[in-house]
Amino acid sequence: MPATACKIRLAQRRHAAAETYRHTRNPYNFFRAYTLALQDTAAELWHHAFPDGGRIALLATGGFGRGEVYPHSDVDLAVPPPPTTLPKTKPHSLPASSNCSGTRGLPPPSNPAA
């Protein structure tokens, strides 16, 4: 079963990432290695579930999307609705409150359409 094999490989890669951290004491080495392991696992399971690809997207959000997955973090994923079900809204017409980059201390993105 692919899920069992994926689980074993993920555990092995998580252990290897933790060992790398123990040797280097650089958390970014752990974040990078563990995030890549999770990406590979998610992609393998996704392609197993949807072999033809289809028109479905899988988005990594939260710490996983930022590449900051801690040893006991959950994995936040989102599956957006197909484009045909979304309202026809121009990106620049969204309210400023929909941009959460300010909550992370980042400037809001510039709006080239303005």
PDB file of N, CA and C in Angstrom:
ATOM      1  N   MET A   1       0.851  -1.189   0.000  1.00  0.00           N
ATOM      2  CA  MET A   1       0.000   0.000   0.000  1.00  0.00           C
ATOM      3  C   MET A   1       0.892   1.246   0.000  1.00  0.00           C
ATOM      4  N   PRO A   2       0.664   2.205  -0.901  1.00  0.00           N
ATOM      5  CA  PRO A   2       1.511   3.385  -1.006  1.00  0.00           C
ATOM      6  C   PRO A   2       1.554   4.226   0.272  1.00  0.00           C
ATOM      7  N   ALA A   3       0.435   4.329   0.976  1.00  0.00           N
ATOM      8  CA  ALA A   3       0.403   5.165   2.178  1.00  0.00           C
ATOM      9  C   ALA A   3       1.351   4.643   3.245  1.00  0.00           C
ATOM     10  N   THR A   4       1.422   3.342   3.409  1.00  0.00           N
ATOM     11  CA  THR A   4       2.321   2.754   4.411  1.00  0.00           C
ATOM     12  C   THR A   4       3.775   3.011   4.038  1.00  0.00           C
ATOM     13  N   ALA A   5       4.115   2.814   2.781  1.00  0.00           N
ATOM     14  CA  ALA A   5       5.482   3.066   2.323  1.00  0.00           C
ATOM     15  C   ALA A   5       5.838   4.540   2.485  1.00  0.00           C
ATOM     16  N   CYS A   6       4.906   5.427   2.170  1.00  0.00           N
ATOM     17  CA  CYS A   6       5.133   6.870   2.326  1.00  0.00           C
ATOM     18  C   CYS A   6       5.367   7.223   3.791  1.00  0.00           C
ATOM     19  N   LYS A   7       4.582   6.628   4.660  1.00  0.00           N
ATOM     20  CA  LYS A   7       4.714   6.904   6.094  1.00  0.00           C
ATOM     21  C   LYS A   7       6.095   6.487   6.601  1.00  0.00           C
ATOM     22  N   ILE A   8       6.571   5.338   6.159  1.00  0.00           N
ATOM     23  CA  ILE A   8       7.892   4.847   6.575  1.00  0.00           C
ATOM     24  C   ILE A   8       8.987   5.769   6.046  1.00  0.00           C
ATOM     25  N   ARG A   9       8.914   6.132   4.751  1.00  0.00           N
ATOM     26  CA  ARG A   9       9.932   7.026   4.170  1.00  0.00           C
ATOM     27  C   ARG A   9       9.922   8.388   4.851  1.00  0.00           C
ATOM     28  N   LEU A  10       8.729   8.901   5.143  1.00  0.00           N
ATOM     29  CA  LEU A  10       8.635  10.199   5.814  1.00  0.00           C
ATOM     30  C   LEU A  10       9.274  10.132   7.199  1.00  0.00           C
ATOM     31  N   ALA A  11       9.011   9.072   7.945  1.00  0.00           N
ATOM     32  CA  ALA A  11       9.603   8.918   9.274  1.00  0.00           C
ATOM     33  C   ALA A  11      11.127   8.850   9.179  1.00  0.00           C
ATOM     34  N   GLN A  12      11.633   8.154   8.180  1.00  0.00           N
ATOM     35  CA  GLN A  12      13.087   8.052   7.991  1.00  0.00           C
ATOM     36  C   GLN A  12      13.689   9.420   7.667  1.00  0.00           C
ATOM     37  N   ARG A  13      13.025  10.157   6.800  1.00  0.00           N
ATOM     38  CA  ARG A  13      13.542  11.477   6.415  1.00  0.00           C
ATOM     39  C   ARG A  13      13.422  12.478   7.554  1.00  0.00           C
ATOM     40  N   ARG A  14      12.364  12.366   8.346  1.00  0.00           N
ATOM     41  CA  ARG A  14      12.229  13.246   9.519  1.00  0.00           C
ATOM     42  C   ARG A  14      13.354  12.962  10.506  1.00  0.00           C
ATOM     43  N   HIS A  15      13.658  11.693  10.716  1.00  0.00           N
ATOM     44  CA  HIS A  15      14.745  11.312  11.608  1.00  0.00           C
ATOM     45  C   HIS A  15      16.074  11.858  11.077  1.00  0.00           C
ATOM     46  N   ALA A  16      16.307  11.732   9.784  1.00  0.00           N
ATOM     47  CA  ALA A  16      17.542  12.244   9.176  1.00  0.00           C
ATOM     48  C   ALA A  16      17.630  13.764   9.325  1.00  0.00           C
ATOM     49  N   ALA A  17      16.511  14.461   9.164  1.00  0.00           N
ATOM     50  CA  ALA A  17      16.497  15.920   9.332  1.00  0.00           C
ATOM     51  C   ALA A  17      16.825  16.295  10.773  1.00  0.00           C
ATOM     52  N   ALA A  18      16.275  15.539  11.717  1.00  0.00           N
ATOM     53  CA  ALA A  18      16.555  15.806  13.137  1.00  0.00           C
ATOM     54  C   ALA A  18      18.027  15.555  13.449  1.00  0.00           C
ATOM     55  N   GLU A  19      18.600  14.512  12.873  1.00  0.00           N
ATOM     56  CA  GLU A  19      20.028  14.224  13.085  1.00  0.00           C
ATOM     57  C   GLU A  19      20.893  15.345  12.512  1.00  0.00           C
ATOM     58  N   THR A  20      20.532  15.837  11.350  1.00  0.00           N
ATOM     59  CA  THR A  20      21.269  16.956  10.752  1.00  0.00           C
ATOM     60  C   THR A  20      21.217  18.158  11.683  1.00  0.00           C
ATOM     61  N   TYR A  21      20.042  18.429  12.243  1.00  0.00           N
ATOM     62  CA  TYR A  21      19.924  19.545  13.188  1.00  0.00           C
ATOM     63  C   TYR A  21      20.816  19.320  14.413  1.00  0.00           C
ATOM     64  N   ARG A  22      20.825  18.112  14.932  1.00  0.00           N
ATOM     65  CA  ARG A  22      21.645  17.825  16.110  1.00  0.00           C
ATOM     66  C   ARG A  22      23.124  18.096  15.850  1.00  0.00           C
ATOM     67  N   HIS A  23      23.553  17.851  14.618  1.00  0.00           N
ATOM     68  CA  HIS A  23      24.957  18.067  14.275  1.00  0.00           C
ATOM     69  C   HIS A  23      25.276  19.521  13.959  1.00  0.00           C
ATOM     70  N   THR A  24      24.353  20.217  13.302  1.00  0.00           N
ATOM     71  CA  THR A  24      24.634  21.589  12.858  1.00  0.00           C
ATOM     72  C   THR A  24      24.065  22.657  13.789  1.00  0.00           C
ATOM     73  N   ARG A  25      23.048  22.306  14.550  1.00  0.00           N
ATOM     74  CA  ARG A  25      22.323  23.247  15.411  1.00  0.00           C
ATOM     75  C   ARG A  25      21.752  24.430  14.629  1.00  0.00           C
ATOM     76  N   ASN A  26      21.488  24.192  13.362  1.00  0.00           N
ATOM     77  CA  ASN A  26      20.880  25.209  12.511  1.00  0.00           C
ATOM     78  C   ASN A  26      19.453  24.762  12.204  1.00  0.00           C
ATOM     79  N   PRO A  27      18.443  25.429  12.796  1.00  0.00           N
ATOM     80  CA  PRO A  27      17.059  24.988  12.588  1.00  0.00           C
ATOM     81  C   PRO A  27      16.618  25.054  11.130  1.00  0.00           C
ATOM     82  N   TYR A  28      17.209  25.957  10.352  1.00  0.00           N
ATOM     83  CA  TYR A  28      16.797  26.072   8.955  1.00  0.00           C
ATOM     84  C   TYR A  28      17.159  24.821   8.166  1.00  0.00           C
ATOM     85  N   ASN A  29      18.215  24.127   8.563  1.00  0.00           N
ATOM     86  CA  ASN A  29      18.541  22.853   7.919  1.00  0.00           C
ATOM     87  C   ASN A  29      17.422  21.844   8.161  1.00  0.00           C
ATOM     88  N   PHE A  30      16.901  21.826   9.399  1.00  0.00           N
ATOM     89  CA  PHE A  30      15.784  20.926   9.701  1.00  0.00           C
ATOM     90  C   PHE A  30      14.550  21.333   8.911  1.00  0.00           C
ATOM     91  N   PHE A  31      14.209  22.645   8.954  1.00  0.00           N
ATOM     92  CA  PHE A  31      13.022  23.121   8.241  1.00  0.00           C
ATOM     93  C   PHE A  31      13.071  22.717   6.772  1.00  0.00           C
ATOM     94  N   ARG A  32      14.208  22.959   6.136  1.00  0.00           N
ATOM     95  CA  ARG A  32      14.353  22.678   4.701  1.00  0.00           C
ATOM     96  C   ARG A  32      14.184  21.183   4.421  1.00  0.00           C
ATOM     97  N   ALA A  33      14.917  20.362   5.181  1.00  0.00           N
ATOM     98  CA  ALA A  33      14.887  18.915   4.926  1.00  0.00           C
ATOM     99  C   ALA A  33      13.510  18.322   5.212  1.00  0.00           C
ATOM    100  N   TYR A  34      12.901  18.718   6.325  1.00  0.00           N
ATOM    101  CA  TYR A  34      11.609  18.138   6.690  1.00  0.00           C
ATOM    102  C   TYR A  34      10.507  18.648   5.759  1.00  0.00           C
ATOM    103  N   THR A  35      10.568  19.917   5.380  1.00  0.00           N
ATOM    104  CA  THR A  35       9.573  20.452   4.445  1.00  0.00           C
ATOM    105  C   THR A  35       9.657  19.734   3.101  1.00  0.00           C
ATOM    106  N   LEU A  36      10.877  19.491   2.613  1.00  0.00           N
ATOM    107  CA  LEU A  36      11.033  18.755   1.351  1.00  0.00           C
ATOM    108  C   LEU A  36      10.498  17.331   1.471  1.00  0.00           C
ATOM    109  N   ALA A  37      10.728  16.696   2.617  1.00  0.00           N
ATOM    110  CA  ALA A  37      10.197  15.348   2.830  1.00  0.00           C
ATOM    111  C   ALA A  37       8.672  15.358   2.800  1.00  0.00           C
ATOM    112  N   LEU A  38       8.064  16.360   3.439  1.00  0.00           N
ATOM    113  CA  LEU A  38       6.606  16.467   3.431  1.00  0.00           C
ATOM    114  C   LEU A  38       6.083  16.771   2.032  1.00  0.00           C
ATOM    115  N   GLN A  39       6.768  17.639   1.301  1.00  0.00           N
ATOM    116  CA  GLN A  39       6.365  17.947  -0.076  1.00  0.00           C
ATOM    117  C   GLN A  39       6.376  16.691  -0.930  1.00  0.00           C
ATOM    118  N   ASP A  40       7.454  15.943  -0.846  1.00  0.00           N
ATOM    119  CA  ASP A  40       7.559  14.712  -1.633  1.00  0.00           C
ATOM    120  C   ASP A  40       6.459  13.722  -1.271  1.00  0.00           C
ATOM    121  N   THR A  41       6.188  13.602   0.027  1.00  0.00           N
ATOM    122  CA  THR A  41       5.157  12.669   0.489  1.00  0.00           C
ATOM    123  C   THR A  41       3.772  13.105   0.015  1.00  0.00           C
ATOM    124  N   ALA A  42       3.476  14.393   0.188  1.00  0.00           N
ATOM    125  CA  ALA A  42       2.172  14.912  -0.257  1.00  0.00           C
ATOM    126  C   ALA A  42       2.001  14.723  -1.761  1.00  0.00           C
ATOM    127  N   ALA A  43       3.055  15.010  -2.521  1.00  0.00           N
ATOM    128  CA  ALA A  43       2.975  14.859  -3.982  1.00  0.00           C
ATOM    129  C   ALA A  43       2.756  13.403  -4.373  1.00  0.00           C
ATOM    130  N   GLU A  44       3.481  12.506  -3.720  1.00  0.00           N
ATOM    131  CA  GLU A  44       3.323  11.082  -4.050  1.00  0.00           C
ATOM    132  C   GLU A  44       1.910  10.596  -3.741  1.00  0.00           C
ATOM    133  N   LEU A  45       1.383  10.963  -2.579  1.00  0.00           N
ATOM    134  CA  LEU A  45       0.023  10.542  -2.220  1.00  0.00           C
ATOM    135  C   LEU A  45      -1.019  11.197  -3.127  1.00  0.00           C
ATOM    136  N   TRP A  46      -0.797  12.466  -3.458  1.00  0.00           N
ATOM    137  CA  TRP A  46      -1.727  13.197  -4.325  1.00  0.00           C
ATOM    138  C   TRP A  46      -1.780  12.553  -5.708  1.00  0.00           C
ATOM    139  N   HIS A  47      -0.600  12.229  -6.255  1.00  0.00           N
ATOM    140  CA  HIS A  47      -0.565  11.610  -7.587  1.00  0.00           C
ATOM    141  C   HIS A  47      -1.124  10.196  -7.570  1.00  0.00           C
ATOM    142  N   HIS A  48      -1.020   9.543  -6.445  1.00  0.00           N
ATOM    143  CA  HIS A  48      -1.627   8.211  -6.320  1.00  0.00           C
ATOM    144  C   HIS A  48      -3.157   8.338  -6.306  1.00  0.00           C
ATOM    145  N   ALA A  49      -3.662   9.357  -5.590  1.00  0.00           N
ATOM    146  CA  ALA A  49      -5.115   9.553  -5.490  1.00  0.00           C
ATOM    147  C   ALA A  49      -5.705  10.107  -6.794  1.00  0.00           C
ATOM    148  N   PHE A  50      -4.933  10.944  -7.496  1.00  0.00           N
ATOM    149  CA  PHE A  50      -5.407  11.576  -8.729  1.00  0.00           C
ATOM    150  C   PHE A  50      -4.379  11.327  -9.836  1.00  0.00           C
ATOM    151  N   PRO A  51      -4.301  10.102 -10.354  1.00  0.00           N
ATOM    152  CA  PRO A  51      -3.258   9.761 -11.327  1.00  0.00           C
ATOM    153  C   PRO A  51      -3.323  10.557 -12.626  1.00  0.00           C
ATOM    154  N   ASP A  52      -4.502  11.014 -13.009  1.00  0.00           N
ATOM    155  CA  ASP A  52      -4.608  11.757 -14.269  1.00  0.00           C
ATOM    156  C   ASP A  52      -4.343  13.246 -14.075  1.00  0.00           C
ATOM    157  N   GLY A  53      -4.089  13.667 -12.863  1.00  0.00           N
ATOM    158  CA  GLY A  53      -3.805  15.079 -12.613  1.00  0.00           C
ATOM    159  C   GLY A  53      -5.069  15.898 -12.474  1.00  0.00           C
ATOM    160  N   GLY A  54      -5.928  15.816 -13.435  1.00  0.00           N
ATOM    161  CA  GLY A  54      -7.182  16.563 -13.383  1.00  0.00           C
ATOM    162  C   GLY A  54      -6.937  18.058 -13.288  1.00  0.00           C
ATOM    163  N   ARG A  55      -7.923  18.751 -12.801  1.00  0.00           N
ATOM    164  CA  ARG A  55      -7.815  20.206 -12.619  1.00  0.00           C
ATOM    165  C   ARG A  55      -7.964  20.552 -11.157  1.00  0.00           C
ATOM    166  N   ILE A  56      -7.357  19.761 -10.311  1.00  0.00           N
ATOM    167  CA  ILE A  56      -7.452  19.974  -8.869  1.00  0.00           C
ATOM    168  C   ILE A  56      -6.084  20.400  -8.362  1.00  0.00           C
ATOM    169  N   ALA A  57      -6.059  21.412  -7.523  1.00  0.00           N
ATOM    170  CA  ALA A  57      -4.800  21.899  -6.958  1.00  0.00           C
ATOM    171  C   ALA A  57      -4.726  21.556  -5.475  1.00  0.00           C
ATOM    172  N   LEU A  58      -3.534  21.336  -5.011  1.00  0.00           N
ATOM    173  CA  LEU A  58      -3.273  21.115  -3.594  1.00  0.00           C
ATOM    174  C   LEU A  58      -2.328  22.209  -3.143  1.00  0.00           C
ATOM    175  N   LEU A  59      -2.729  22.971  -2.128  1.00  0.00           N
ATOM    176  CA  LEU A  59      -1.922  24.083  -1.644  1.00  0.00           C
ATOM    177  C   LEU A  59      -1.403  23.797  -0.246  1.00  0.00           C
ATOM    178  N   ALA A  60      -0.141  24.068  -0.032  1.00  0.00           N
ATOM    179  CA  ALA A  60       0.441  23.983   1.310  1.00  0.00           C
ATOM    180  C   ALA A  60       0.228  25.344   1.971  1.00  0.00           C
ATOM    181  N   THR A  61      -0.304  25.341   3.172  1.00  0.00           N
ATOM    182  CA  THR A  61      -0.552  26.582   3.893  1.00  0.00           C
ATOM    183  C   THR A  61       0.119  26.500   5.262  1.00  0.00           C
ATOM    184  N   GLY A  62      -0.014  27.551   6.037  1.00  0.00           N
ATOM    185  CA  GLY A  62       0.548  27.560   7.385  1.00  0.00           C
ATOM    186  C   GLY A  62       2.061  27.390   7.367  1.00  0.00           C
ATOM    187  N   GLY A  63       2.583  26.768   8.401  1.00  0.00           N
ATOM    188  CA  GLY A  63       4.020  26.547   8.498  1.00  0.00           C
ATOM    189  C   GLY A  63       4.559  25.723   7.358  1.00  0.00           C
ATOM    190  N   PHE A  64       3.782  24.767   6.901  1.00  0.00           N
ATOM    191  CA  PHE A  64       4.201  23.933   5.770  1.00  0.00           C
ATOM    192  C   PHE A  64       4.378  24.804   4.525  1.00  0.00           C
ATOM    193  N   GLY A  65       3.435  25.687   4.265  1.00  0.00           N
ATOM    194  CA  GLY A  65       3.527  26.575   3.109  1.00  0.00           C
ATOM    195  C   GLY A  65       4.685  27.552   3.201  1.00  0.00           C
ATOM    196  N   ARG A  66       5.034  27.951   4.424  1.00  0.00           N
ATOM    197  CA  ARG A  66       6.166  28.863   4.634  1.00  0.00           C
ATOM    198  C   ARG A  66       7.500  28.136   4.683  1.00  0.00           C
ATOM    199  N   GLY A  67       7.463  26.806   4.752  1.00  0.00           N
ATOM    200  CA  GLY A  67       8.703  26.048   4.867  1.00  0.00           C
ATOM    201  C   GLY A  67       9.253  26.041   6.275  1.00  0.00           C
ATOM    202  N   GLU A  68       8.386  26.209   7.268  1.00  0.00           N
ATOM    203  CA  GLU A  68       8.792  26.243   8.672  1.00  0.00           C
ATOM    204  C   GLU A  68       8.040  25.164   9.444  1.00  0.00           C
ATOM    205  N   VAL A  69       8.315  23.915   9.116  1.00  0.00           N
ATOM    206  CA  VAL A  69       7.625  22.812   9.757  1.00  0.00           C
ATOM    207  C   VAL A  69       8.473  22.312  10.923  1.00  0.00           C
ATOM    208  N   TYR A  70       7.935  22.433  12.112  1.00  0.00           N
ATOM    209  CA  TYR A  70       8.616  21.973  13.315  1.00  0.00           C
ATOM    210  C   TYR A  70       8.371  20.473  13.492  1.00  0.00           C
ATOM    211  N   PRO A  71       9.134  19.821  14.370  1.00  0.00           N
ATOM    212  CA  PRO A  71       9.005  18.361  14.514  1.00  0.00           C
ATOM    213  C   PRO A  71       7.583  17.862  14.786  1.00  0.00           C
ATOM    214  N   HIS A  72       6.785  18.616  15.534  1.00  0.00           N
ATOM    215  CA  HIS A  72       5.433  18.145  15.873  1.00  0.00           C
ATOM    216  C   HIS A  72       4.345  19.031  15.255  1.00  0.00           C
ATOM    217  N   SER A  73       4.694  19.738  14.189  1.00  0.00           N
ATOM    218  CA  SER A  73       3.712  20.582  13.507  1.00  0.00           C
ATOM    219  C   SER A  73       2.681  19.727  12.787  1.00  0.00           C
ATOM    220  N   ASP A  74       1.487  20.275  12.668  1.00  0.00           N
ATOM    221  CA  ASP A  74       0.515  19.638  11.796  1.00  0.00           C
ATOM    222  C   ASP A  74       0.817  20.098  10.371  1.00  0.00           C
ATOM    223  N   VAL A  75       0.212  19.474   9.414  1.00  0.00           N
ATOM    224  CA  VAL A  75       0.439  19.808   8.010  1.00  0.00           C
ATOM    225  C   VAL A  75      -0.861  20.393   7.474  1.00  0.00           C
ATOM    226  N   ASP A  76      -0.832  21.689   7.198  1.00  0.00           N
ATOM    227  CA  ASP A  76      -2.015  22.374   6.707  1.00  0.00           C
ATOM    228  C   ASP A  76      -2.036  22.345   5.184  1.00  0.00           C
ATOM    229  N   LEU A  77      -3.108  21.809   4.640  1.00  0.00           N
ATOM    230  CA  LEU A  77      -3.292  21.725   3.195  1.00  0.00           C
ATOM    231  C   LEU A  77      -4.655  22.293   2.837  1.00  0.00           C
ATOM    232  N   ALA A  78      -4.757  22.837   1.643  1.00  0.00           N
ATOM    233  CA  ALA A  78      -6.036  23.359   1.162  1.00  0.00           C
ATOM    234  C   ALA A  78      -6.254  22.894  -0.268  1.00  0.00           C
ATOM    235  N   VAL A  79      -7.494  22.610  -0.585  1.00  0.00           N
ATOM    236  CA  VAL A  79      -7.884  22.258  -1.954  1.00  0.00           C
ATOM    237  C   VAL A  79      -8.889  23.321  -2.379  1.00  0.00           C
ATOM    238  N   PRO A  80      -8.443  24.288  -3.195  1.00  0.00           N
ATOM    239  CA  PRO A  80      -9.365  25.348  -3.607  1.00  0.00           C
ATOM    240  C   PRO A  80     -10.413  24.818  -4.581  1.00  0.00           C
ATOM    241  N   PRO A  81     -11.536  25.504  -4.647  1.00  0.00           N
ATOM    242  CA  PRO A  81     -12.571  25.066  -5.602  1.00  0.00           C
ATOM    243  C   PRO A  81     -12.101  25.304  -7.034  1.00  0.00           C
ATOM    244  N   PRO A  82     -12.684  24.583  -7.975  1.00  0.00           N
ATOM    245  CA  PRO A  82     -12.334  24.813  -9.380  1.00  0.00           C
ATOM    246  C   PRO A  82     -12.597  26.268  -9.765  1.00  0.00           C
ATOM    247  N   PRO A  83     -11.830  26.829 -10.687  1.00  0.00           N
ATOM    248  CA  PRO A  83     -11.994  28.239 -11.065  1.00  0.00           C
ATOM    249  C   PRO A  83     -13.409  28.589 -11.508  1.00  0.00           C
ATOM    250  N   THR A  84     -14.131  27.656 -12.066  1.00  0.00           N
ATOM    251  CA  THR A  84     -15.479  27.968 -12.558  1.00  0.00           C
ATOM    252  C   THR A  84     -16.453  28.252 -11.424  1.00  0.00           C
ATOM    253  N   THR A  85     -16.118  27.862 -10.184  1.00  0.00           N
ATOM    254  CA  THR A  85     -17.034  28.104  -9.069  1.00  0.00           C
ATOM    255  C   THR A  85     -16.679  29.363  -8.297  1.00  0.00           C
ATOM    256  N   LEU A  86     -15.551  30.003  -8.626  1.00  0.00           N
ATOM    257  CA  LEU A  86     -15.140  31.215  -7.925  1.00  0.00           C
ATOM    258  C   LEU A  86     -15.858  32.427  -8.501  1.00  0.00           C
ATOM    259  N   PRO A  87     -16.165  33.419  -7.650  1.00  0.00           N
ATOM    260  CA  PRO A  87     -16.779  34.635  -8.184  1.00  0.00           C
ATOM    261  C   PRO A  87     -15.776  35.374  -9.061  1.00  0.00           C
ATOM    262  N   LYS A  88     -16.281  36.054 -10.078  1.00  0.00           N
ATOM    263  CA  LYS A  88     -15.412  36.807 -10.968  1.00  0.00           C
ATOM    264  C   LYS A  88     -15.068  38.135 -10.292  1.00  0.00           C
ATOM    265  N   THR A  89     -13.902  38.157  -9.640  1.00  0.00           N
ATOM    266  CA  THR A  89     -13.448  39.317  -8.892  1.00  0.00           C
ATOM    267  C   THR A  89     -12.044  39.673  -9.347  1.00  0.00           C
ATOM    268  N   LYS A  90     -11.807  40.934  -9.580  1.00  0.00           N
ATOM    269  CA  LYS A  90     -10.467  41.378  -9.935  1.00  0.00           C
ATOM    270  C   LYS A  90      -9.619  41.377  -8.665  1.00  0.00           C
ATOM    271  N   PRO A  91      -8.357  40.945  -8.762  1.00  0.00           N
ATOM    272  CA  PRO A  91      -7.503  40.894  -7.567  1.00  0.00           C
ATOM    273  C   PRO A  91      -7.400  42.220  -6.838  1.00  0.00           C
ATOM    274  N   HIS A  92      -7.363  43.336  -7.582  1.00  0.00           N
ATOM    275  CA  HIS A  92      -7.206  44.626  -6.913  1.00  0.00           C
ATOM    276  C   HIS A  92      -8.489  45.111  -6.256  1.00  0.00           C
ATOM    277  N   SER A  93      -9.608  44.420  -6.481  1.00  0.00           N
ATOM    278  CA  SER A  93     -10.850  44.850  -5.864  1.00  0.00           C
ATOM    279  C   SER A  93     -11.097  44.177  -4.515  1.00  0.00           C
ATOM    280  N   LEU A  94     -10.165  43.284  -4.108  1.00  0.00           N
ATOM    281  CA  LEU A  94     -10.312  42.655  -2.801  1.00  0.00           C
ATOM    282  C   LEU A  94     -10.008  43.674  -1.709  1.00  0.00           C
ATOM    283  N   PRO A  95     -10.675  43.599  -0.573  1.00  0.00           N
ATOM    284  CA  PRO A  95     -10.402  44.550   0.501  1.00  0.00           C
ATOM    285  C   PRO A  95      -8.985  44.357   1.037  1.00  0.00           C
ATOM    286  N   ALA A  96      -8.395  45.435   1.521  1.00  0.00           N
ATOM    287  CA  ALA A  96      -7.029  45.381   2.042  1.00  0.00           C
ATOM    288  C   ALA A  96      -6.907  44.385   3.187  1.00  0.00           C
ATOM    289  N   SER A  97      -7.994  44.159   3.913  1.00  0.00           N
ATOM    290  CA  SER A  97      -7.938  43.235   5.048  1.00  0.00           C
ATOM    291  C   SER A  97      -7.736  41.789   4.603  1.00  0.00           C
ATOM    292  N   SER A  98      -7.921  41.512   3.307  1.00  0.00           N
ATOM    293  CA  SER A  98      -7.727  40.135   2.843  1.00  0.00           C
ATOM    294  C   SER A  98      -6.249  39.797   2.707  1.00  0.00           C
ATOM    295  N   ASN A  99      -5.377  40.793   2.794  1.00  0.00           N
ATOM    296  CA  ASN A  99      -3.941  40.565   2.711  1.00  0.00           C
ATOM    297  C   ASN A  99      -3.403  40.380   4.123  1.00  0.00           C
ATOM    298  N   CYS A 100      -2.908  39.192   4.417  1.00  0.00           N
ATOM    299  CA  CYS A 100      -2.428  38.928   5.765  1.00  0.00           C
ATOM    300  C   CYS A 100      -0.931  39.135   5.914  1.00  0.00           C
ATOM    301  N   SER A 101      -0.244  39.615   4.863  1.00  0.00           N
ATOM    302  CA  SER A 101       1.202  39.761   4.952  1.00  0.00           C
ATOM    303  C   SER A 101       1.589  40.771   6.022  1.00  0.00           C
ATOM    304  N   GLY A 102       0.735  41.730   6.305  1.00  0.00           N
ATOM    305  CA  GLY A 102       1.042  42.706   7.345  1.00  0.00           C
ATOM    306  C   GLY A 102       1.135  42.081   8.721  1.00  0.00           C
ATOM    307  N   THR A 103       0.450  40.976   8.939  1.00  0.00           N
ATOM    308  CA  THR A 103       0.499  40.335  10.245  1.00  0.00           C
ATOM    309  C   THR A 103       1.833  39.656  10.485  1.00  0.00           C
ATOM    310  N   ARG A 104       2.622  39.440   9.463  1.00  0.00           N
ATOM    311  CA  ARG A 104       3.936  38.812   9.594  1.00  0.00           C
ATOM    312  C   ARG A 104       5.042  39.859   9.543  1.00  0.00           C
ATOM    313  N   GLY A 105       4.688  41.139   9.614  1.00  0.00           N
ATOM    314  CA  GLY A 105       5.686  42.187   9.574  1.00  0.00           C
ATOM    315  C   GLY A 105       6.202  42.491   8.183  1.00  0.00           C
ATOM    316  N   LEU A 106       5.483  42.040   7.154  1.00  0.00           N
ATOM    317  CA  LEU A 106       5.887  42.280   5.782  1.00  0.00           C
ATOM    318  C   LEU A 106       5.041  43.394   5.195  1.00  0.00           C
ATOM    319  N   PRO A 107       5.603  44.196   4.302  1.00  0.00           N
ATOM    320  CA  PRO A 107       4.776  45.227   3.675  1.00  0.00           C
ATOM    321  C   PRO A 107       3.756  44.575   2.749  1.00  0.00           C
ATOM    322  N   PRO A 108       2.602  45.192   2.584  1.00  0.00           N
ATOM    323  CA  PRO A 108       1.621  44.628   1.648  1.00  0.00           C
ATOM    324  C   PRO A 108       2.188  44.655   0.237  1.00  0.00           C
ATOM    325  N   PRO A 109       1.776  43.709  -0.613  1.00  0.00           N
ATOM    326  CA  PRO A 109       2.292  43.694  -1.985  1.00  0.00           C
ATOM    327  C   PRO A 109       1.826  44.909  -2.755  1.00  0.00           C
ATOM    328  N   SER A 110       2.648  45.359  -3.680  1.00  0.00           N
ATOM    329  CA  SER A 110       2.254  46.499  -4.509  1.00  0.00           C
ATOM    330  C   SER A 110       1.174  46.036  -5.472  1.00  0.00           C
ATOM    331  N   ASN A 111       0.352  46.966  -5.894  1.00  0.00           N
ATOM    332  CA  ASN A 111      -0.748  46.640  -6.805  1.00  0.00           C
ATOM    333  C   ASN A 111      -0.450  47.279  -8.149  1.00  0.00           C
ATOM    334  N   PRO A 112       0.099  46.504  -9.108  1.00  0.00           N
ATOM    335  CA  PRO A 112       0.450  47.076 -10.406  1.00  0.00           C
ATOM    336  C   PRO A 112      -0.761  47.554 -11.194  1.00  0.00           C
ATOM    337  N   ALA A 113      -1.962  47.054 -10.878  1.00  0.00           N
ATOM    338  CA  ALA A 113      -3.158  47.443 -11.625  1.00  0.00           C
ATOM    339  C   ALA A 113      -3.698  48.788 -11.159  1.00  0.00           C
ATOM    340  N   ALA A 114      -3.224  49.283 -10.018  1.00  0.00           N
ATOM    341  CA  ALA A 114      -3.763  50.526  -9.462  1.00  0.00           C
ATOM    342  C   ALA A 114      -3.208  51.742 -10.195  1.00  0.00           C
TER     343      ALA A 114
END
